[in-house]
Amino acid sequence: MTEIKQRISERTKSEAKTAAVLKGAMKEFLQNGYAGTSMDKVAKSAGVSKATVYSHFGDKENLFNVVIQDLVKDEFQQFMGLEKPQSLEQDPKIVLSAMTTKMLANFQNNRSFQDFMRIIVGESGRFPELAKAYVNGVAKPTIEILTKYLKSHPALELADPEATVRVMMGTMVYFVMLQEMMHGKDIVPLEGDRVIKTLTDLITRNQD
């Protein structure tokens, strides 16, 4: 029993250190960008040794990837439930409207996510693997799940479900970038509900 308790204690300590490193890394990346962040700075911000940072995450690139995945995991799980069988049977107009509403609200209200998107885009030329990690970890599974969902509803009569998903995602991303990240809401204001309704109506126009 003592050995089991010791293992549990060690695992708990390890998880606590991991959480501290991720929190410290997020702070440093947001303040200094990817290039301006070092493992030394992350260790200092997290209150752990540099050896601990390296032992848990290997290198800065992997640490950044984990931070990105940790940042979007909750948001992704909240509005992407389409891999569940019961979701695949629900009315597309209701599902797509609810999902895009949650997606837009999360992205608009999550300043940290917006800041990380700036870093990914800004550093993608010098560090293409960062952008690729985001695409593999976030964009690709979203595209696959939504494409599967649209294909499961032939009554929509979509000629190309995957391309439809790309158009939908591109519209949402551009809307957030223009309105929130580029301050477009002060110059060319537009309610998100109008974008969501237009997208949903276009995709489900043949449903009835």
Protein backbone atom coordinates (compact mmCIF):
# COMPACT_ATOMS: atom_id res chain seq x y z
CA MET A 1 0.00 0.00 0.00
CA THR A 2 2.86 2.38 0.84
CA GLU A 3 4.39 1.85 -2.59
CA ILE A 4 1.06 2.58 -4.28
CA LYS A 5 0.62 5.77 -2.26
CA GLN A 6 4.13 6.83 -3.16
CA ARG A 7 3.44 6.32 -6.86
CA ILE A 8 0.21 8.31 -6.61
CA SER A 9 2.04 11.09 -4.79
CA GLU A 10 4.79 11.20 -7.42
CA ARG A 11 2.24 11.26 -10.24
CA THR A 12 0.33 14.07 -8.53
CA LYS A 13 3.52 16.11 -8.16
CA SER A 14 4.41 15.48 -11.80
CA GLU A 15 0.96 16.62 -12.94
CA ALA A 16 1.24 19.74 -10.79
CA LYS A 17 4.61 20.58 -12.34
CA THR A 18 3.22 20.00 -15.82
CA ALA A 19 0.34 22.38 -15.13
CA ALA A 20 2.75 24.98 -13.73
CA VAL A 21 4.99 24.76 -16.78
CA LEU A 22 2.03 25.13 -19.17
CA LYS A 23 0.77 28.15 -17.26
CA GLY A 24 4.22 29.73 -17.23
CA ALA A 25 4.74 28.94 -20.91
CA MET A 26 1.45 30.53 -21.90
CA LYS A 27 2.37 33.69 -20.02
CA GLU A 28 5.80 33.90 -21.65
CA PHE A 29 4.61 33.12 -25.19
CA LEU A 30 1.88 35.75 -24.95
CA GLN A 31 4.29 38.37 -23.60
CA ASN A 32 7.33 37.65 -25.74
CA GLY A 33 6.14 35.67 -28.76
CA TYR A 34 7.65 32.36 -29.80
CA ALA A 35 11.11 33.58 -30.78
CA GLY A 36 11.42 35.77 -27.68
CA THR A 37 10.58 32.95 -25.26
CA SER A 38 13.27 30.70 -23.83
CA MET A 39 13.05 27.58 -21.72
CA ASP A 40 14.87 29.51 -19.00
CA LYS A 41 12.11 32.14 -18.94
CA VAL A 42 9.43 29.45 -18.86
CA ALA A 43 11.13 27.65 -15.97
CA LYS A 44 11.43 30.88 -13.99
CA SER A 45 7.82 31.82 -14.64
CA ALA A 46 6.64 28.33 -13.68
CA GLY A 47 8.77 28.19 -10.55
CA VAL A 48 10.52 24.97 -11.58
CA SER A 49 13.97 24.02 -12.81
CA LYS A 50 14.90 24.15 -16.50
CA ALA A 51 15.61 20.43 -16.29
CA THR A 52 11.99 19.87 -15.26
CA VAL A 53 10.73 21.80 -18.29
CA TYR A 54 12.94 19.78 -20.63
CA SER A 55 12.08 16.45 -19.01
CA HIS A 56 8.35 17.09 -19.35
CA PHE A 57 8.27 18.64 -22.84
CA GLY A 58 11.56 17.97 -24.62
CA ASP A 59 12.02 21.27 -26.43
CA LYS A 60 10.39 24.67 -26.98
CA GLU A 61 8.58 23.65 -30.16
CA ASN A 62 6.88 20.72 -28.47
CA LEU A 63 6.06 22.88 -25.44
CA PHE A 64 4.40 25.46 -27.69
CA ASN A 65 2.39 22.73 -29.43
CA VAL A 66 1.16 21.37 -26.09
CA VAL A 67 0.18 24.86 -24.93
CA ILE A 68 -1.84 25.36 -28.12
CA GLN A 69 -3.56 21.98 -27.74
CA ASP A 70 -4.30 22.67 -24.07
CA LEU A 71 -5.69 26.09 -24.91
CA VAL A 72 -8.17 24.90 -27.52
CA LYS A 73 -9.04 21.51 -26.01
CA ASP A 74 -11.91 22.73 -23.86
CA GLU A 75 -13.33 25.01 -26.53
CA PHE A 76 -13.02 22.27 -29.15
CA GLN A 77 -14.82 19.74 -26.98
CA GLN A 78 -17.59 22.19 -26.13
CA PHE A 79 -18.75 22.86 -29.66
CA MET A 80 -17.53 19.74 -31.48
CA GLY A 81 -19.64 16.78 -30.43
CA LEU A 82 -20.41 15.57 -33.92
CA GLU A 83 -18.37 12.41 -33.61
CA LYS A 84 -21.11 11.07 -31.32
CA PRO A 85 -23.65 8.84 -33.12
CA GLN A 86 -26.67 10.68 -31.66
CA SER A 87 -25.41 13.98 -33.02
CA LEU A 88 -25.21 12.59 -36.53
CA GLU A 89 -28.97 12.06 -36.50
CA GLN A 90 -29.97 15.56 -35.38
CA ASP A 91 -31.37 18.22 -37.69
CA PRO A 92 -28.49 19.92 -39.55
CA LYS A 93 -29.99 23.41 -39.27
CA ILE A 94 -30.18 23.13 -35.48
CA VAL A 95 -26.78 21.46 -35.10
CA LEU A 96 -24.89 23.83 -37.41
CA SER A 97 -26.50 26.92 -35.92
CA ALA A 98 -25.73 25.84 -32.35
CA MET A 99 -22.19 24.77 -33.17
CA THR A 100 -21.23 27.93 -35.07
CA THR A 101 -22.79 30.08 -32.33
CA LYS A 102 -20.63 28.38 -29.69
CA MET A 103 -17.58 28.52 -31.92
CA LEU A 104 -17.96 32.23 -32.55
CA ALA A 105 -18.64 33.06 -28.90
CA ASN A 106 -15.60 31.08 -27.74
CA PHE A 107 -13.24 32.63 -30.26
CA GLN A 108 -14.52 36.17 -29.73
CA ASN A 109 -14.28 35.98 -25.94
CA ASN A 110 -11.01 34.06 -25.74
CA ARG A 111 -8.33 36.75 -25.96
CA SER A 112 -5.55 34.27 -25.27
CA PHE A 113 -6.61 32.18 -28.25
CA GLN A 114 -6.62 35.26 -30.47
CA ASP A 115 -3.14 36.21 -29.27
CA PHE A 116 -1.85 32.71 -29.95
CA MET A 117 -3.30 32.83 -33.44
CA ARG A 118 -1.31 36.02 -34.00
CA ILE A 119 1.84 34.21 -32.89
CA ILE A 120 1.17 31.18 -35.09
CA VAL A 121 0.50 33.30 -38.17
CA GLY A 122 3.34 35.71 -37.44
CA GLU A 123 5.91 32.98 -36.84
CA SER A 124 4.70 30.56 -39.54
CA GLY A 125 7.34 31.78 -42.02
CA ARG A 126 10.30 31.14 -39.71
CA PHE A 127 8.76 28.22 -37.82
CA PRO A 128 6.42 26.38 -40.22
CA GLU A 129 6.15 23.39 -37.88
CA LEU A 130 4.17 25.53 -35.44
CA ALA A 131 1.53 26.25 -38.05
CA LYS A 132 1.52 22.62 -39.18
CA ALA A 133 0.99 21.49 -35.59
CA TYR A 134 -2.06 23.74 -35.30
CA VAL A 135 -3.47 22.45 -38.59
CA ASN A 136 -2.91 18.81 -37.58
CA GLY A 137 -4.20 19.25 -34.04
CA VAL A 138 -7.14 21.59 -34.54
CA ALA A 139 -8.13 22.36 -38.14
CA LYS A 140 -7.80 18.84 -39.58
CA PRO A 141 -9.94 17.00 -37.00
CA THR A 142 -12.56 19.74 -37.19
CA ILE A 143 -12.73 19.44 -40.98
CA GLU A 144 -12.94 15.65 -40.80
CA ILE A 145 -15.72 15.60 -38.19
CA LEU A 146 -17.82 18.23 -39.96
CA THR A 147 -17.34 16.60 -43.36
CA LYS A 148 -18.47 13.27 -41.92
CA TYR A 149 -21.52 14.98 -40.44
CA LEU A 150 -22.55 16.68 -43.69
CA LYS A 151 -22.05 13.48 -45.67
CA SER A 152 -24.39 11.69 -43.28
CA HIS A 153 -27.20 13.99 -44.46
CA PRO A 154 -27.58 13.38 -48.23
CA ALA A 155 -30.84 15.37 -48.19
CA LEU A 156 -28.70 18.52 -48.03
CA GLU A 157 -27.64 17.74 -51.61
CA LEU A 158 -24.16 19.16 -51.17
CA ALA A 159 -21.96 18.62 -54.22
CA ASP A 160 -18.78 18.77 -52.13
CA PRO A 161 -19.24 18.46 -48.34
CA GLU A 162 -15.53 18.91 -47.58
CA ALA A 163 -15.30 22.11 -49.61
CA THR A 164 -18.48 23.31 -47.90
CA VAL A 165 -16.83 22.79 -44.53
CA ARG A 166 -13.77 24.74 -45.66
CA VAL A 167 -15.99 27.64 -46.79
CA MET A 168 -17.85 27.61 -43.47
CA MET A 169 -14.68 27.51 -41.37
CA GLY A 170 -12.97 30.11 -43.51
CA THR A 171 -15.89 32.47 -43.10
CA MET A 172 -15.90 32.08 -39.32
CA VAL A 173 -12.14 32.50 -38.98
CA TYR A 174 -12.06 35.54 -41.25
CA PHE A 175 -14.99 37.10 -39.38
CA VAL A 176 -13.19 36.78 -36.03
CA MET A 177 -9.88 37.98 -37.47
CA LEU A 178 -11.41 41.03 -39.16
CA GLN A 179 -13.80 42.02 -36.38
CA GLU A 180 -11.76 41.18 -33.28
CA MET A 181 -8.08 40.95 -34.17
CA MET A 182 -8.00 43.73 -36.78
CA HIS A 183 -10.53 45.99 -35.00
CA GLY A 184 -12.95 45.75 -37.90
CA LYS A 185 -15.95 45.92 -35.56
CA ASP A 186 -15.23 49.64 -35.10
CA ILE A 187 -15.05 50.26 -38.87
CA VAL A 188 -17.28 47.67 -40.57
CA PRO A 189 -19.50 46.35 -37.76
CA LEU A 190 -21.54 43.22 -38.41
CA GLU A 191 -23.47 41.05 -35.99
CA GLY A 192 -22.24 37.49 -35.74
CA ASP A 193 -25.82 36.19 -35.75
CA ARG A 194 -26.20 37.41 -39.34
CA VAL A 195 -23.14 35.46 -40.45
CA ILE A 196 -24.29 32.32 -38.63
CA LYS A 197 -27.81 32.48 -40.09
CA THR A 198 -26.50 33.10 -43.60
CA LEU A 199 -24.08 30.16 -43.42
CA THR A 200 -26.70 27.82 -41.98
CA ASP A 201 -29.30 28.86 -44.57
CA LEU A 202 -26.86 28.37 -47.44
CA ILE A 203 -25.79 24.90 -46.30
CA THR A 204 -29.31 23.66 -45.52
CA ARG A 205 -31.18 25.42 -48.34
CA ASN A 206 -32.08 22.09 -50.01
CA GLN A 207 -33.02 20.29 -46.81
CA ASP A 208 -36.73 21.06 -47.03
